[in-house]
């Protein structure tokens, strides 16, 4: 069963908003928080001053996706995990606005891996703007 939660992390009350997370389509738990400014992750969207960024955190298997710009686009991460089959990438959308951080909490086996990239896109139509995508980044989960 998929579990969707919205939790607030450690930050001031003025910086946090809890949002419903309906409509996200991957087997993971989700948290949305707001940061005080842009964040440069391990991967940045291409040719637009890092309007979206993403990082994988090994401790706990978290894929973090930041929307760093109020440009009307959503940040989207496309990824594959070693233990989840399929013929297409999974996509998780950060459509919560400027300085929102989407935390996708996964459960990847210690001997597993993830490959991901971050792009901008149009959340309403689920259109990924391919010319904004970073290169793919492969990481071991262990």
N, C-alpha and C. Protein backbone atom coordinates (compact mmCIF):
# COMPACT_ATOMS: atom_id res chain seq x y z
N UNK A 1 0.84 -1.17 0.00
CA UNK A 1 0.00 0.00 0.00
C UNK A 1 0.88 1.24 0.00
N UNK A 2 0.56 2.19 -0.78
CA UNK A 2 1.32 3.42 -0.84
C UNK A 2 0.91 4.31 0.32
N UNK A 3 1.88 4.97 0.91
CA UNK A 3 1.61 5.87 2.02
C UNK A 3 2.10 7.25 1.63
N UNK A 4 1.24 8.22 1.74
CA UNK A 4 1.60 9.60 1.41
C UNK A 4 1.43 10.44 2.66
N UNK A 5 2.48 11.12 3.05
CA UNK A 5 2.41 11.96 4.22
C UNK A 5 3.01 13.31 3.91
N UNK A 6 2.60 14.28 4.66
CA UNK A 6 3.20 15.61 4.57
C UNK A 6 3.66 15.96 5.97
N UNK A 7 4.95 16.08 6.15
CA UNK A 7 5.52 16.34 7.45
C UNK A 7 6.36 17.60 7.40
N UNK A 8 6.46 18.28 8.51
CA UNK A 8 7.29 19.47 8.59
C UNK A 8 8.59 19.10 9.29
N UNK A 9 9.71 19.49 8.70
CA UNK A 9 11.03 19.23 9.27
C UNK A 9 11.42 20.33 10.24
N UNK A 10 12.64 20.33 10.67
CA UNK A 10 13.12 21.32 11.62
C UNK A 10 13.41 22.63 10.91
N UNK A 11 12.59 23.61 11.15
CA UNK A 11 12.77 24.97 10.62
C UNK A 11 11.77 25.86 11.33
N UNK A 12 11.86 27.14 11.11
CA UNK A 12 10.92 28.04 11.78
C UNK A 12 9.52 27.86 11.20
N UNK A 13 8.53 28.17 12.01
CA UNK A 13 7.14 28.01 11.58
C UNK A 13 6.82 28.85 10.36
N UNK A 14 7.48 29.98 10.21
CA UNK A 14 7.23 30.84 9.05
C UNK A 14 7.74 30.22 7.76
N UNK A 15 8.70 29.30 7.85
CA UNK A 15 9.29 28.70 6.66
C UNK A 15 8.60 27.43 6.21
N UNK A 16 7.65 26.93 7.00
CA UNK A 16 7.07 25.63 6.70
C UNK A 16 5.60 25.72 6.35
N UNK A 17 5.22 24.93 5.40
CA UNK A 17 3.82 24.75 5.07
C UNK A 17 3.62 23.27 4.81
N UNK A 18 2.58 22.69 5.39
CA UNK A 18 2.28 21.29 5.15
C UNK A 18 1.27 21.23 4.03
N UNK A 19 1.56 20.43 3.02
CA UNK A 19 0.72 20.36 1.83
C UNK A 19 0.23 18.95 1.59
N UNK A 20 -0.96 18.78 1.05
CA UNK A 20 -1.41 17.44 0.68
C UNK A 20 -0.61 16.96 -0.52
N UNK A 21 -0.36 15.67 -0.56
CA UNK A 21 0.50 15.14 -1.60
C UNK A 21 -0.23 14.13 -2.48
N UNK A 22 -1.45 14.41 -2.84
CA UNK A 22 -2.21 13.52 -3.71
C UNK A 22 -1.68 13.60 -5.13
N UNK A 23 -1.72 12.49 -5.83
CA UNK A 23 -1.39 12.49 -7.25
C UNK A 23 0.05 12.19 -7.57
N UNK A 24 0.89 11.90 -6.59
CA UNK A 24 2.26 11.53 -6.87
C UNK A 24 2.29 10.03 -7.07
N UNK A 25 3.06 9.57 -8.06
CA UNK A 25 2.94 8.17 -8.46
C UNK A 25 4.23 7.37 -8.35
N UNK A 26 4.71 7.14 -7.14
CA UNK A 26 5.77 6.15 -6.94
C UNK A 26 5.63 5.58 -5.54
N UNK A 27 6.17 4.39 -5.33
CA UNK A 27 6.03 3.71 -4.05
C UNK A 27 7.02 4.29 -3.05
N UNK A 28 6.65 5.36 -2.40
CA UNK A 28 7.51 6.04 -1.46
C UNK A 28 6.66 6.94 -0.57
N UNK A 29 7.28 7.48 0.46
CA UNK A 29 6.63 8.47 1.31
C UNK A 29 7.19 9.84 0.92
N UNK A 30 6.38 10.88 1.11
CA UNK A 30 6.75 12.22 0.65
C UNK A 30 6.62 13.24 1.76
N UNK A 31 7.55 14.17 1.78
CA UNK A 31 7.53 15.29 2.69
C UNK A 31 7.85 16.54 1.88
N UNK A 32 7.13 17.63 2.17
CA UNK A 32 7.42 18.91 1.52
C UNK A 32 7.71 19.93 2.60
N UNK A 33 8.84 20.61 2.45
CA UNK A 33 9.19 21.73 3.32
C UNK A 33 9.64 22.88 2.43
N UNK A 34 9.74 24.06 3.03
CA UNK A 34 10.21 25.23 2.30
C UNK A 34 11.52 25.69 2.92
N UNK A 35 12.45 26.07 2.05
CA UNK A 35 13.73 26.57 2.49
C UNK A 35 13.76 28.08 2.34
N UNK A 36 14.77 28.71 2.89
CA UNK A 36 14.85 30.17 2.85
C UNK A 36 15.49 30.70 1.57
N UNK A 37 15.96 29.81 0.72
CA UNK A 37 16.60 30.25 -0.52
C UNK A 37 16.88 29.07 -1.42
N UNK A 38 17.50 29.30 -2.56
CA UNK A 38 17.77 28.22 -3.51
C UNK A 38 18.79 27.23 -2.95
N UNK A 39 18.77 26.04 -3.48
CA UNK A 39 19.70 24.99 -3.06
C UNK A 39 20.30 24.34 -4.30
N UNK A 40 21.58 24.15 -4.29
CA UNK A 40 22.24 23.46 -5.39
C UNK A 40 22.46 22.02 -4.95
N UNK A 41 21.75 21.10 -5.59
CA UNK A 41 21.90 19.68 -5.27
C UNK A 41 23.08 19.08 -6.02
N UNK A 42 23.14 17.76 -6.03
CA UNK A 42 24.20 17.07 -6.77
C UNK A 42 24.02 17.23 -8.28
N UNK A 43 22.77 17.38 -8.71
CA UNK A 43 22.46 17.59 -10.13
C UNK A 43 21.59 18.84 -10.24
N UNK A 44 21.86 19.66 -11.26
CA UNK A 44 21.08 20.87 -11.51
C UNK A 44 20.48 20.81 -12.91
N UNK A 45 19.32 21.43 -13.06
CA UNK A 45 18.75 21.55 -14.40
C UNK A 45 19.74 22.31 -15.26
N UNK A 46 19.68 22.05 -16.53
CA UNK A 46 20.68 22.55 -17.46
C UNK A 46 20.30 23.92 -18.03
N UNK A 47 21.28 24.78 -18.20
CA UNK A 47 21.18 26.04 -18.94
C UNK A 47 20.15 27.00 -18.39
N UNK A 48 19.90 26.97 -17.09
CA UNK A 48 18.94 27.93 -16.52
C UNK A 48 19.27 28.26 -15.07
N UNK A 49 20.53 28.31 -14.74
CA UNK A 49 20.99 28.71 -13.41
C UNK A 49 20.44 27.84 -12.30
N UNK A 50 20.32 26.57 -12.52
CA UNK A 50 19.90 25.60 -11.50
C UNK A 50 18.51 25.91 -10.95
N UNK A 51 17.55 26.09 -11.84
CA UNK A 51 16.17 26.37 -11.42
C UNK A 51 15.55 25.19 -10.68
N UNK A 52 16.09 23.99 -10.91
CA UNK A 52 15.70 22.79 -10.17
C UNK A 52 16.95 21.99 -9.86
N UNK A 53 16.96 21.33 -8.72
CA UNK A 53 18.12 20.51 -8.37
C UNK A 53 17.66 19.27 -7.62
N UNK A 54 18.55 18.27 -7.57
CA UNK A 54 18.22 17.02 -6.89
C UNK A 54 19.48 16.41 -6.29
N UNK A 55 19.28 15.67 -5.20
CA UNK A 55 20.35 14.93 -4.54
C UNK A 55 19.79 13.64 -3.99
N UNK A 56 20.63 12.61 -3.95
CA UNK A 56 20.26 11.35 -3.29
C UNK A 56 21.04 11.28 -1.99
N UNK A 57 20.34 11.01 -0.89
CA UNK A 57 20.95 10.88 0.43
C UNK A 57 20.94 9.40 0.79
N UNK A 58 22.11 8.82 0.94
CA UNK A 58 22.24 7.38 1.20
C UNK A 58 21.61 6.98 2.53
N UNK A 59 21.82 7.77 3.56
CA UNK A 59 21.28 7.44 4.89
C UNK A 59 19.76 7.59 4.87
N UNK A 60 19.07 6.49 4.75
CA UNK A 60 17.61 6.51 4.71
C UNK A 60 17.03 6.49 3.31
N UNK A 61 17.86 6.54 2.29
CA UNK A 61 17.42 6.48 0.89
C UNK A 61 16.41 7.57 0.55
N UNK A 62 16.86 8.81 0.62
CA UNK A 62 16.01 9.96 0.31
C UNK A 62 16.47 10.61 -0.99
N UNK A 63 15.53 10.83 -1.90
CA UNK A 63 15.79 11.59 -3.12
C UNK A 63 15.15 12.96 -2.90
N UNK A 64 15.97 14.00 -2.87
CA UNK A 64 15.51 15.36 -2.58
C UNK A 64 15.44 16.14 -3.88
N UNK A 65 14.34 16.89 -4.05
CA UNK A 65 14.12 17.66 -5.28
C UNK A 65 13.73 19.08 -4.88
N UNK A 66 14.53 20.07 -5.32
CA UNK A 66 14.28 21.46 -4.99
C UNK A 66 13.78 22.22 -6.20
N UNK A 67 12.82 23.11 -5.97
CA UNK A 67 12.40 24.10 -6.97
C UNK A 67 13.05 25.41 -6.54
N UNK A 68 14.01 25.86 -7.30
CA UNK A 68 14.81 27.02 -6.91
C UNK A 68 14.40 28.33 -7.55
N UNK A 69 13.38 28.33 -8.37
CA UNK A 69 13.02 29.55 -9.10
C UNK A 69 11.50 29.71 -9.20
N UNK A 70 11.05 30.92 -9.12
CA UNK A 70 9.63 31.22 -9.33
C UNK A 70 9.38 31.49 -10.80
N UNK A 71 9.61 30.47 -11.63
CA UNK A 71 9.55 30.65 -13.08
C UNK A 71 8.31 30.05 -13.72
N UNK A 72 7.38 29.55 -12.91
CA UNK A 72 6.17 28.95 -13.45
C UNK A 72 6.31 27.50 -13.85
N UNK A 73 7.51 26.94 -13.74
CA UNK A 73 7.75 25.53 -14.05
C UNK A 73 7.90 24.74 -12.75
N UNK A 74 7.65 23.46 -12.83
CA UNK A 74 7.88 22.55 -11.72
C UNK A 74 9.21 21.85 -11.91
N UNK A 75 9.84 21.47 -10.81
CA UNK A 75 11.02 20.61 -10.89
C UNK A 75 10.51 19.17 -10.87
N UNK A 76 11.11 18.34 -11.70
CA UNK A 76 10.71 16.93 -11.78
C UNK A 76 11.97 16.08 -11.81
N UNK A 77 11.95 14.99 -11.07
CA UNK A 77 13.06 14.06 -11.08
C UNK A 77 12.59 12.78 -11.78
N UNK A 78 13.43 12.30 -12.69
CA UNK A 78 13.17 11.03 -13.38
C UNK A 78 14.21 10.04 -12.89
N UNK A 79 13.77 8.83 -12.53
CA UNK A 79 14.72 7.88 -11.98
C UNK A 79 14.30 6.43 -12.20
N UNK A 80 15.31 5.57 -12.05
CA UNK A 80 15.14 4.12 -12.02
C UNK A 80 15.83 3.63 -10.76
N UNK A 81 15.25 2.59 -10.16
CA UNK A 81 15.86 1.94 -9.00
C UNK A 81 16.11 0.48 -9.33
N UNK A 82 17.15 -0.07 -8.77
CA UNK A 82 17.56 -1.44 -9.09
C UNK A 82 16.48 -2.47 -8.79
N UNK A 83 15.69 -2.27 -7.79
CA UNK A 83 14.73 -3.27 -7.35
C UNK A 83 13.30 -3.03 -7.85
N UNK A 84 13.11 -2.03 -8.71
CA UNK A 84 11.78 -1.74 -9.26
C UNK A 84 11.87 -1.84 -10.78
N UNK A 85 11.18 -2.81 -11.35
CA UNK A 85 11.22 -2.99 -12.79
C UNK A 85 10.26 -2.04 -13.50
N UNK A 86 10.32 -2.05 -14.80
CA UNK A 86 9.44 -1.21 -15.59
C UNK A 86 10.10 -0.81 -16.88
N UNK A 87 9.30 -0.28 -17.77
CA UNK A 87 9.83 0.10 -19.08
C UNK A 87 10.00 1.61 -19.22
N UNK A 88 9.75 2.36 -18.16
CA UNK A 88 9.88 3.81 -18.22
C UNK A 88 10.40 4.30 -16.87
N UNK A 89 10.91 5.53 -16.85
CA UNK A 89 11.37 6.13 -15.61
C UNK A 89 10.19 6.49 -14.73
N UNK A 90 10.41 6.41 -13.43
CA UNK A 90 9.45 6.96 -12.48
C UNK A 90 9.70 8.46 -12.41
N UNK A 91 8.65 9.23 -12.29
CA UNK A 91 8.76 10.69 -12.18
C UNK A 91 8.07 11.16 -10.91
N UNK A 92 8.75 12.00 -10.17
CA UNK A 92 8.14 12.66 -9.01
C UNK A 92 8.26 14.15 -9.23
N UNK A 93 7.14 14.83 -9.03
CA UNK A 93 7.01 16.25 -9.36
C UNK A 93 7.04 17.11 -8.11
N UNK A 94 7.90 18.12 -8.11
CA UNK A 94 7.87 19.15 -7.08
C UNK A 94 7.15 20.34 -7.72
N UNK A 95 5.85 20.41 -7.48
CA UNK A 95 5.02 21.47 -8.05
C UNK A 95 4.52 22.41 -6.95
N UNK A 96 5.27 22.49 -5.86
CA UNK A 96 4.83 23.25 -4.68
C UNK A 96 5.36 24.68 -4.64
N UNK A 97 6.11 25.09 -5.67
CA UNK A 97 6.52 26.48 -5.77
C UNK A 97 7.96 26.74 -5.35
N UNK A 98 8.32 27.99 -5.50
CA UNK A 98 9.69 28.45 -5.25
C UNK A 98 10.14 28.11 -3.84
N UNK A 99 11.33 27.54 -3.76
CA UNK A 99 12.02 27.14 -2.54
C UNK A 99 11.38 25.96 -1.82
N UNK A 100 10.52 25.24 -2.52
CA UNK A 100 9.98 24.01 -1.94
C UNK A 100 10.98 22.88 -2.12
N UNK A 101 11.08 22.03 -1.12
CA UNK A 101 11.92 20.84 -1.19
C UNK A 101 11.02 19.62 -1.04
N UNK A 102 11.02 18.77 -2.05
CA UNK A 102 10.28 17.51 -2.00
C UNK A 102 11.25 16.41 -1.57
N UNK A 103 10.91 15.69 -0.52
CA UNK A 103 11.72 14.58 -0.02
C UNK A 103 10.98 13.30 -0.36
N UNK A 104 11.56 12.50 -1.26
CA UNK A 104 11.00 11.21 -1.65
C UNK A 104 11.76 10.16 -0.84
N UNK A 105 11.09 9.59 0.16
CA UNK A 105 11.71 8.62 1.05
C UNK A 105 11.51 7.23 0.48
N UNK A 106 12.59 6.61 0.04
CA UNK A 106 12.55 5.31 -0.62
C UNK A 106 13.09 4.23 0.30
N UNK A 107 12.98 3.00 -0.14
CA UNK A 107 13.56 1.88 0.58
C UNK A 107 14.29 1.02 -0.45
N UNK A 108 15.56 1.34 -0.68
CA UNK A 108 16.37 0.64 -1.66
C UNK A 108 17.28 -0.35 -0.93
N UNK A 109 17.37 -1.59 -1.38
CA UNK A 109 18.27 -2.55 -0.74
C UNK A 109 19.71 -2.01 -0.70
N UNK A 110 20.46 -2.40 0.32
CA UNK A 110 21.83 -1.92 0.49
C UNK A 110 22.73 -2.23 -0.71
N UNK A 111 22.44 -3.33 -1.42
CA UNK A 111 23.25 -3.65 -2.59
C UNK A 111 22.65 -3.09 -3.87
N UNK A 112 21.63 -2.24 -3.74
CA UNK A 112 20.95 -1.67 -4.90
C UNK A 112 21.56 -0.37 -5.38
N UNK A 113 20.88 0.26 -6.33
CA UNK A 113 21.36 1.50 -6.94
C UNK A 113 20.17 2.34 -7.40
N UNK A 114 20.45 3.59 -7.71
CA UNK A 114 19.49 4.51 -8.30
C UNK A 114 20.22 5.31 -9.37
N UNK A 115 19.52 5.60 -10.45
CA UNK A 115 20.03 6.53 -11.45
C UNK A 115 18.95 7.58 -11.64
N UNK A 116 19.34 8.87 -11.64
CA UNK A 116 18.34 9.93 -11.69
C UNK A 116 18.87 11.16 -12.42
N UNK A 117 17.92 11.98 -12.85
CA UNK A 117 18.23 13.29 -13.39
C UNK A 117 17.11 14.23 -12.99
N UNK A 118 17.39 15.53 -13.04
CA UNK A 118 16.38 16.54 -12.69
C UNK A 118 16.11 17.41 -13.91
N UNK A 119 14.84 17.76 -14.09
CA UNK A 119 14.38 18.56 -15.23
C UNK A 119 13.37 19.59 -14.73
N UNK A 120 12.97 20.46 -15.61
CA UNK A 120 11.80 21.30 -15.39
C UNK A 120 10.67 20.74 -16.22
N UNK A 121 9.46 21.08 -15.84
CA UNK A 121 8.33 20.59 -16.59
C UNK A 121 7.04 21.32 -16.24
N UNK A 122 6.00 20.90 -16.91
CA UNK A 122 4.66 21.45 -16.70
C UNK A 122 3.84 20.40 -15.96
N UNK A 123 3.59 20.64 -14.68
CA UNK A 123 2.92 19.66 -13.84
C UNK A 123 1.52 19.31 -14.35
N UNK A 124 0.75 20.31 -14.77
CA UNK A 124 -0.63 20.07 -15.22
C UNK A 124 -0.73 19.07 -16.35
N UNK A 125 0.13 19.19 -17.34
CA UNK A 125 0.11 18.28 -18.49
C UNK A 125 1.11 17.14 -18.35
N UNK A 126 1.91 17.16 -17.29
CA UNK A 126 2.98 16.17 -17.04
C UNK A 126 4.00 16.14 -18.19
N UNK A 127 4.23 17.31 -18.79
CA UNK A 127 5.21 17.42 -19.86
C UNK A 127 6.56 17.79 -19.28
N UNK A 128 7.56 16.94 -19.53
CA UNK A 128 8.93 17.21 -19.11
C UNK A 128 9.60 18.03 -20.20
N UNK A 129 10.24 19.12 -19.83
CA UNK A 129 10.96 19.98 -20.77
C UNK A 129 12.37 19.40 -20.94
N UNK A 130 12.52 18.53 -21.91
CA UNK A 130 13.75 17.74 -22.09
C UNK A 130 15.01 18.58 -22.25
N UNK A 131 14.88 19.78 -22.81
CA UNK A 131 16.08 20.61 -23.00
C UNK A 131 16.59 21.22 -21.70
N UNK A 132 15.88 21.00 -20.59
CA UNK A 132 16.34 21.51 -19.29
C UNK A 132 16.96 20.42 -18.42
N UNK A 133 16.91 19.17 -18.86
CA UNK A 133 17.33 18.03 -18.03
C UNK A 133 18.84 17.98 -17.81
N UNK A 134 19.21 17.62 -16.61
CA UNK A 134 20.61 17.33 -16.31
C UNK A 134 20.97 15.99 -16.95
N UNK A 135 22.22 15.64 -16.89
CA UNK A 135 22.61 14.28 -17.28
C UNK A 135 22.16 13.33 -16.17
N UNK A 136 22.10 12.03 -16.48
CA UNK A 136 21.76 11.04 -15.46
C UNK A 136 22.94 10.85 -14.52
N UNK A 137 22.63 10.55 -13.28
CA UNK A 137 23.62 10.35 -12.24
C UNK A 137 23.33 9.01 -11.59
N UNK A 138 24.31 8.12 -11.55
CA UNK A 138 24.15 6.79 -10.97
C UNK A 138 24.79 6.78 -9.59
N UNK A 139 24.08 6.22 -8.61
CA UNK A 139 24.64 6.10 -7.26
C UNK A 139 24.28 4.75 -6.66
N UNK A 140 25.21 4.21 -5.91
CA UNK A 140 24.96 3.01 -5.14
C UNK A 140 24.14 3.39 -3.91
N UNK A 141 23.22 2.51 -3.51
CA UNK A 141 22.39 2.81 -2.34
C UNK A 141 23.14 2.52 -1.04
N UNK A 142 24.15 1.68 -1.09
CA UNK A 142 24.86 1.28 0.13
C UNK A 142 25.96 2.21 0.53
